Amino acid sequence: MAIESLIRPRGLDEALELLKKHPDWSPVAGGTDLMVQIRAHRREEKHLLDLSAILPRHIEIRDGALSIGAGASMDEIARSPLVREICPALSEAASQVGAWPIQCRATLGGNLVNASPAADTAPPLLAADASLNLASGDTRRKLPLRNFFTGPGTTVLGGDEILLSVEINRTRGPGLSRFEKLGWRREQIISVISLAIESEIDDEGRLLDPRLAFGAVASTPRRAPHLEALLKGRKAESVGREELEAAIFEDISPIDDLRSPAWYRKLAAVVMLQRMLREVQHA
């Protein structure tokens, strides 16, 4: 690897000042994605800014929202009782980010900032209407996650900005919060497709405010507005396969790649969602 330097700032202010002076430096936390990309010659990085000791790792309620520090590991998120209660889909996604040693190292911030279309934590956070807290210099801003990704490996994050935390604006879970991914092995897989769904459910079994998001079916993780409109106010058993297919195919645009052809991803999206809706029906 052609890395020339690894800089460890002593605090957030120092890290932000360094990034302001050197916006071409690459922040790194867990490094589980970056190191693989560098070794495979998919990225060239000369200077790394190690944020692992200064990124917040909290998982707690702050101002009426679930707040998760960007430095929290996948293992910490998967095991957190708060996350299991408030956003079970995120807990399930974190438990499937590679094998357990990877989960102990990989961070939530890294999983999002890496901006893989197949990032496991992105669909449940999109379905939960999560927001990001970003910092640069003396500036702080909050950004809806749905406005964060711009393409494979790219985001709106400025060269001098750091992701500090993620917020889900509630303190209790919805009636439905599920995540599922499909891959060719049980562990250490990149998703062929992933799906998260969240919704309140009324006493009659109707989905009141369904929010769905997919991973690995477009250039970025994305919400599914046509599906959401189709399912809103309906019981799971009342939605037919043809309706689901028509809505899903409006919301996703998969490509052929080494992991799967596009036609298979489309088929898998329909099957996965049907299975989720059957589980709701019989819950």
Protein backbone atom coordinates (compact mmCIF):
# COMPACT_ATOMS: atom_id res chain seq x y z
CA MET A 1 0.00 0.00 0.00
CA ALA A 2 1.23 3.50 -0.86
CA ILE A 3 0.05 5.17 2.36
CA GLU A 4 2.59 7.81 3.40
CA SER A 5 1.15 8.95 6.73
CA LEU A 6 -1.46 8.12 9.36
CA ILE A 7 -2.41 11.10 11.53
CA ARG A 8 -4.26 10.68 14.84
CA PRO A 9 -5.78 13.97 16.02
CA ARG A 10 -6.24 14.44 19.77
CA GLY A 11 -9.79 15.79 19.49
CA LEU A 12 -12.59 16.83 17.16
CA ASP A 13 -11.44 20.45 16.86
CA GLU A 14 -7.98 19.36 15.78
CA ALA A 15 -9.43 16.88 13.28
CA LEU A 16 -11.67 19.55 11.73
CA GLU A 17 -8.75 21.98 11.52
CA LEU A 18 -6.58 19.39 9.79
CA LEU A 19 -9.32 18.60 7.28
CA LYS A 20 -9.80 22.30 6.61
CA LYS A 21 -6.11 22.60 5.74
CA HIS A 22 -5.92 19.23 3.96
CA PRO A 23 -9.33 18.39 2.40
CA ASP A 24 -7.65 15.67 0.32
CA TRP A 25 -6.82 13.64 3.45
CA SER A 26 -9.11 10.67 3.99
CA PRO A 27 -10.80 10.22 7.37
CA VAL A 28 -10.91 6.61 8.55
CA ALA A 29 -12.55 4.97 11.57
CA GLY A 30 -12.88 1.18 11.43
CA GLY A 31 -11.16 0.97 8.05
CA THR A 32 -12.88 -2.30 7.11
CA ASP A 33 -13.96 -0.96 3.71
CA LEU A 34 -11.09 1.41 3.01
CA MET A 35 -8.29 -1.09 3.60
CA VAL A 36 -9.88 -3.63 1.28
CA GLN A 37 -10.31 -0.99 -1.43
CA ILE A 38 -6.69 0.16 -1.12
CA ARG A 39 -5.30 -3.37 -1.22
CA ALA A 40 -7.43 -4.13 -4.27
CA HIS A 41 -6.12 -0.95 -5.95
CA ARG A 42 -9.63 0.47 -6.23
CA ARG A 43 -8.58 3.55 -4.22
CA GLU A 44 -5.33 5.42 -3.79
CA GLU A 45 -4.83 7.20 -0.47
CA LYS A 46 -1.58 8.78 0.72
CA HIS A 47 -2.70 10.43 3.96
CA LEU A 48 -5.20 8.95 6.41
CA LEU A 49 -6.79 10.80 9.32
CA ASP A 50 -7.56 8.26 12.03
CA LEU A 51 -10.80 9.27 13.80
CA SER A 52 -11.29 6.03 15.71
CA ALA A 53 -10.40 7.54 19.10
CA ILE A 54 -12.44 10.75 18.79
CA LEU A 55 -15.70 9.87 17.03
CA PRO A 56 -18.65 9.64 19.46
CA ARG A 57 -19.78 6.08 20.22
CA HIS A 58 -22.89 6.78 22.28
CA ILE A 59 -26.22 5.03 21.79
CA GLU A 60 -28.78 6.96 23.79
CA ILE A 61 -31.90 9.10 23.82
CA ARG A 62 -31.15 12.77 23.21
CA ASP A 63 -33.85 15.44 22.89
CA GLY A 64 -36.58 12.93 22.11
CA ALA A 65 -34.59 10.98 19.51
CA LEU A 66 -32.41 7.91 19.36
CA SER A 67 -28.88 9.21 18.78
CA ILE A 68 -26.07 6.91 17.66
CA GLY A 69 -22.49 8.14 17.45
CA ALA A 70 -20.72 7.67 14.15
CA GLY A 71 -17.99 5.72 15.93
CA ALA A 72 -20.36 3.09 17.31
CA SER A 73 -19.45 -0.34 15.99
CA MET A 74 -21.81 -2.72 14.26
CA ASP A 75 -21.50 -5.08 17.21
CA GLU A 76 -22.44 -2.34 19.69
CA ILE A 77 -25.45 -1.39 17.60
CA ALA A 78 -26.60 -4.99 17.13
CA ARG A 79 -26.39 -5.67 20.87
CA SER A 80 -27.93 -2.39 22.05
CA PRO A 81 -31.29 -2.86 23.83
CA LEU A 82 -32.26 0.68 22.77
CA VAL A 83 -31.69 -0.03 19.09
CA ARG A 84 -33.54 -3.35 19.36
CA GLU A 85 -36.50 -1.54 20.92
CA ILE A 86 -36.63 1.56 18.73
CA CYS A 87 -35.37 0.31 15.36
CA PRO A 88 -35.15 -3.51 15.24
CA ALA A 89 -34.40 -3.35 11.50
CA LEU A 90 -31.16 -1.45 12.18
CA SER A 91 -30.16 -3.96 14.86
CA GLU A 92 -30.70 -6.80 12.41
CA ALA A 93 -28.77 -5.04 9.65
CA ALA A 94 -25.80 -4.33 11.94
CA SER A 95 -25.67 -7.99 12.92
CA GLN A 96 -25.18 -8.94 9.26
CA VAL A 97 -22.32 -6.60 8.31
CA GLY A 98 -19.72 -9.27 7.65
CA ALA A 99 -18.64 -11.79 10.25
CA TRP A 100 -18.44 -10.92 13.94
CA PRO A 101 -14.78 -9.74 13.95
CA ILE A 102 -15.69 -7.25 11.20
CA GLN A 103 -18.72 -6.09 13.21
CA CYS A 104 -16.46 -5.33 16.18
CA ARG A 105 -14.35 -3.01 14.03
CA ALA A 106 -16.72 -1.53 11.42
CA THR A 107 -18.48 1.71 12.40
CA LEU A 108 -21.85 3.16 11.55
CA GLY A 109 -20.26 6.32 10.19
CA GLY A 110 -17.92 4.36 7.95
CA ASN A 111 -20.72 2.20 6.60
CA LEU A 112 -22.64 5.31 5.54
CA VAL A 113 -19.79 7.53 4.37
CA ASN A 114 -18.35 4.73 2.23
CA ALA A 115 -21.61 5.11 0.29
CA SER A 116 -21.80 1.63 -1.15
CA PRO A 117 -25.14 1.02 -2.87
CA ALA A 118 -25.19 -2.21 -0.82
CA ALA A 119 -24.46 -0.60 2.59
CA ASP A 120 -26.43 -2.70 5.07
CA THR A 121 -27.32 0.04 7.55
CA ALA A 122 -28.60 2.46 4.90
CA PRO A 123 -32.00 0.84 4.11
CA PRO A 124 -33.22 0.61 7.75
CA LEU A 125 -32.03 4.14 8.46
CA LEU A 126 -33.70 5.46 5.31
CA ALA A 127 -36.92 3.68 6.27
CA ALA A 128 -36.65 5.23 9.74
CA ASP A 129 -36.32 8.75 8.27
CA ALA A 130 -32.94 9.15 9.96
CA SER A 131 -30.94 12.37 9.95
CA LEU A 132 -27.19 12.96 10.07
CA ASN A 133 -25.31 15.45 12.23
CA LEU A 134 -22.32 16.83 10.33
CA ALA A 135 -19.49 19.10 11.46
CA SER A 136 -16.97 21.30 9.66
CA GLY A 137 -14.91 24.01 11.34
CA ASP A 138 -17.32 26.01 13.51
CA THR A 139 -20.34 24.86 11.51
CA ARG A 140 -22.81 22.14 12.43
CA ARG A 141 -25.67 21.01 10.22
CA LYS A 142 -28.36 18.36 10.22
CA LEU A 143 -29.13 16.55 6.97
CA PRO A 144 -31.81 13.97 6.16
CA LEU A 145 -30.12 10.72 5.19
CA ARG A 146 -32.26 10.57 2.04
CA ASN A 147 -30.32 13.62 0.78
CA PHE A 148 -26.87 12.24 1.61
CA PHE A 149 -25.97 9.74 -1.12
CA THR A 150 -25.21 11.00 -4.63
CA GLY A 151 -23.79 7.91 -6.34
CA PRO A 152 -21.64 4.81 -5.79
CA GLY A 153 -19.00 5.88 -3.27
CA THR A 154 -20.05 9.54 -3.30
CA THR A 155 -22.03 11.74 -0.92
CA VAL A 156 -22.71 15.42 -0.27
CA LEU A 157 -20.16 15.34 2.56
CA GLY A 158 -17.70 18.21 2.13
CA GLY A 159 -13.95 17.58 2.12
CA ASP A 160 -13.67 19.28 5.50
CA GLU A 161 -16.75 17.66 7.06
CA ILE A 162 -17.09 14.80 9.52
CA LEU A 163 -20.17 12.72 10.25
CA LEU A 164 -20.71 12.86 14.01
CA SER A 165 -23.94 10.99 14.69
CA VAL A 166 -27.18 9.59 13.32
CA GLU A 167 -30.63 10.41 14.72
CA ILE A 168 -33.92 8.55 14.55
CA ASN A 169 -36.62 10.92 15.71
CA ARG A 170 -38.53 8.69 18.10
CA THR A 171 -38.11 6.91 21.42
CA ARG A 172 -40.17 3.79 20.74
CA GLY A 173 -40.35 1.33 17.90
CA PRO A 174 -42.97 1.25 15.14
CA GLY A 175 -45.42 -1.61 14.87
CA LEU A 176 -43.30 -3.10 12.10
CA SER A 177 -39.53 -2.83 11.67
CA ARG A 178 -37.78 -5.50 9.61
CA PHE A 179 -34.63 -5.92 7.56
CA GLU A 180 -33.61 -8.69 5.22
CA LYS A 181 -30.68 -9.16 2.88
CA LEU A 182 -29.86 -11.74 0.26
CA GLY A 183 -26.35 -12.92 -0.55
CA TRP A 184 -24.51 -15.99 -1.71
CA ARG A 185 -23.00 -16.90 1.67
CA ARG A 186 -24.20 -16.68 5.24
CA GLU A 187 -21.37 -14.45 6.48
CA GLN A 188 -19.03 -11.82 5.08
CA ILE A 189 -21.30 -11.17 2.13
CA ILE A 190 -22.05 -8.07 0.13
CA SER A 191 -25.78 -7.87 -0.43
CA VAL A 192 -27.24 -8.98 -3.71
CA ILE A 193 -30.27 -7.06 -2.49
CA SER A 194 -31.48 -5.77 0.86
CA LEU A 195 -34.83 -4.44 2.03
CA ALA A 196 -36.06 -2.63 5.12
CA ILE A 197 -39.65 -1.81 6.05
CA GLU A 198 -41.08 0.26 8.89
CA SER A 199 -44.69 1.13 9.62
CA GLU A 200 -47.27 1.69 12.30
CA ILE A 201 -50.08 -0.88 12.12
CA ASP A 202 -53.62 -0.20 13.30
CA ASP A 203 -55.93 -2.60 15.15
CA GLU A 204 -57.33 -3.84 11.83
CA GLY A 205 -53.89 -4.75 10.53
CA ARG A 206 -53.59 -1.86 8.10
CA LEU A 207 -50.18 -0.32 7.34
CA LEU A 208 -50.63 3.32 8.32
CA ASP A 209 -47.38 4.95 7.20
CA PRO A 210 -45.24 2.33 5.45
CA ARG A 211 -41.69 3.35 4.67
CA LEU A 212 -39.54 1.02 2.58
CA ALA A 213 -35.96 1.24 1.37
CA PHE A 214 -33.78 -0.97 -0.80
CA GLY A 215 -30.05 -1.55 -1.05
CA ALA A 216 -28.03 -2.85 -4.04
CA VAL A 217 -30.78 -2.14 -6.59
CA ALA A 218 -29.68 1.30 -7.81
CA SER A 219 -26.69 3.64 -7.79
CA THR A 220 -27.49 4.53 -4.16
CA PRO A 221 -29.57 3.02 -1.37
CA ARG A 222 -33.05 4.41 -1.89
CA ARG A 223 -36.58 4.76 -0.56
CA ALA A 224 -39.47 3.18 -2.49
CA PRO A 225 -42.18 5.86 -2.88
CA HIS A 226 -44.39 3.89 -5.28
CA LEU A 227 -44.45 0.92 -2.92
CA GLU A 228 -45.16 3.17 0.04
CA ALA A 229 -48.12 4.72 -1.76
CA LEU A 230 -49.43 1.29 -2.77
CA LEU A 231 -49.26 -0.16 0.76
CA LYS A 232 -50.48 2.86 2.72
CA GLY A 233 -53.75 2.16 4.53
CA ARG A 234 -53.96 -1.44 3.32
CA LYS A 235 -53.74 -4.81 4.99
CA ALA A 236 -50.78 -6.92 4.00
CA GLU A 237 -52.96 -9.75 2.67
CA SER A 238 -54.89 -7.41 0.36
CA VAL A 239 -51.90 -6.59 -1.85
CA GLY A 240 -51.44 -8.89 -4.84
CA ARG A 241 -48.19 -9.92 -6.51
CA GLU A 242 -48.90 -8.05 -9.74
CA GLU A 243 -49.45 -4.81 -7.81
CA LEU A 244 -46.22 -5.33 -5.89
CA GLU A 245 -44.24 -6.04 -9.05
CA ALA A 246 -45.53 -2.93 -10.81
CA ALA A 247 -44.68 -0.68 -7.87
CA ILE A 248 -41.29 -2.25 -7.16
CA PHE A 249 -40.20 -2.01 -10.77
CA GLU A 250 -40.98 1.73 -10.65
CA ASP A 251 -38.79 2.15 -7.57
CA ILE A 252 -35.67 0.12 -8.38
CA SER A 253 -33.20 0.11 -11.28
CA PRO A 254 -30.73 -2.74 -10.72
CA ILE A 255 -27.82 -3.52 -13.03
CA ASP A 256 -26.03 -6.70 -14.04
CA ASP A 257 -22.81 -7.19 -12.06
CA LEU A 258 -20.58 -9.95 -10.70
CA ARG A 259 -22.97 -10.71 -7.83
CA SER A 260 -26.22 -10.93 -9.74
CA PRO A 261 -28.05 -10.13 -12.99
CA ALA A 262 -30.64 -7.36 -12.84
CA TRP A 263 -33.57 -9.70 -13.55
CA TYR A 264 -32.71 -11.76 -10.47
CA ARG A 265 -32.61 -8.70 -8.23
CA LYS A 266 -36.06 -7.68 -9.46
CA LEU A 267 -37.44 -11.15 -8.77
CA ALA A 268 -35.78 -11.27 -5.35
CA ALA A 269 -37.19 -7.86 -4.40
CA VAL A 270 -40.74 -9.09 -5.02
CA VAL A 271 -40.21 -12.38 -3.17
CA MET A 272 -38.55 -10.71 -0.18
CA LEU A 273 -41.34 -8.17 0.19
CA GLN A 274 -44.05 -10.81 -0.19
CA ARG A 275 -42.39 -12.82 2.57
CA MET A 276 -42.25 -9.79 4.86
CA LEU A 277 -45.92 -9.02 4.26
CA ARG A 278 -46.91 -12.63 4.98
CA GLU A 279 -45.06 -12.41 8.29
CA VAL A 280 -47.01 -9.25 9.12
CA GLN A 281 -50.27 -10.94 8.21
CA HIS A 282 -49.61 -13.89 10.54
CA ALA A 283 -47.94 -11.94 13.36
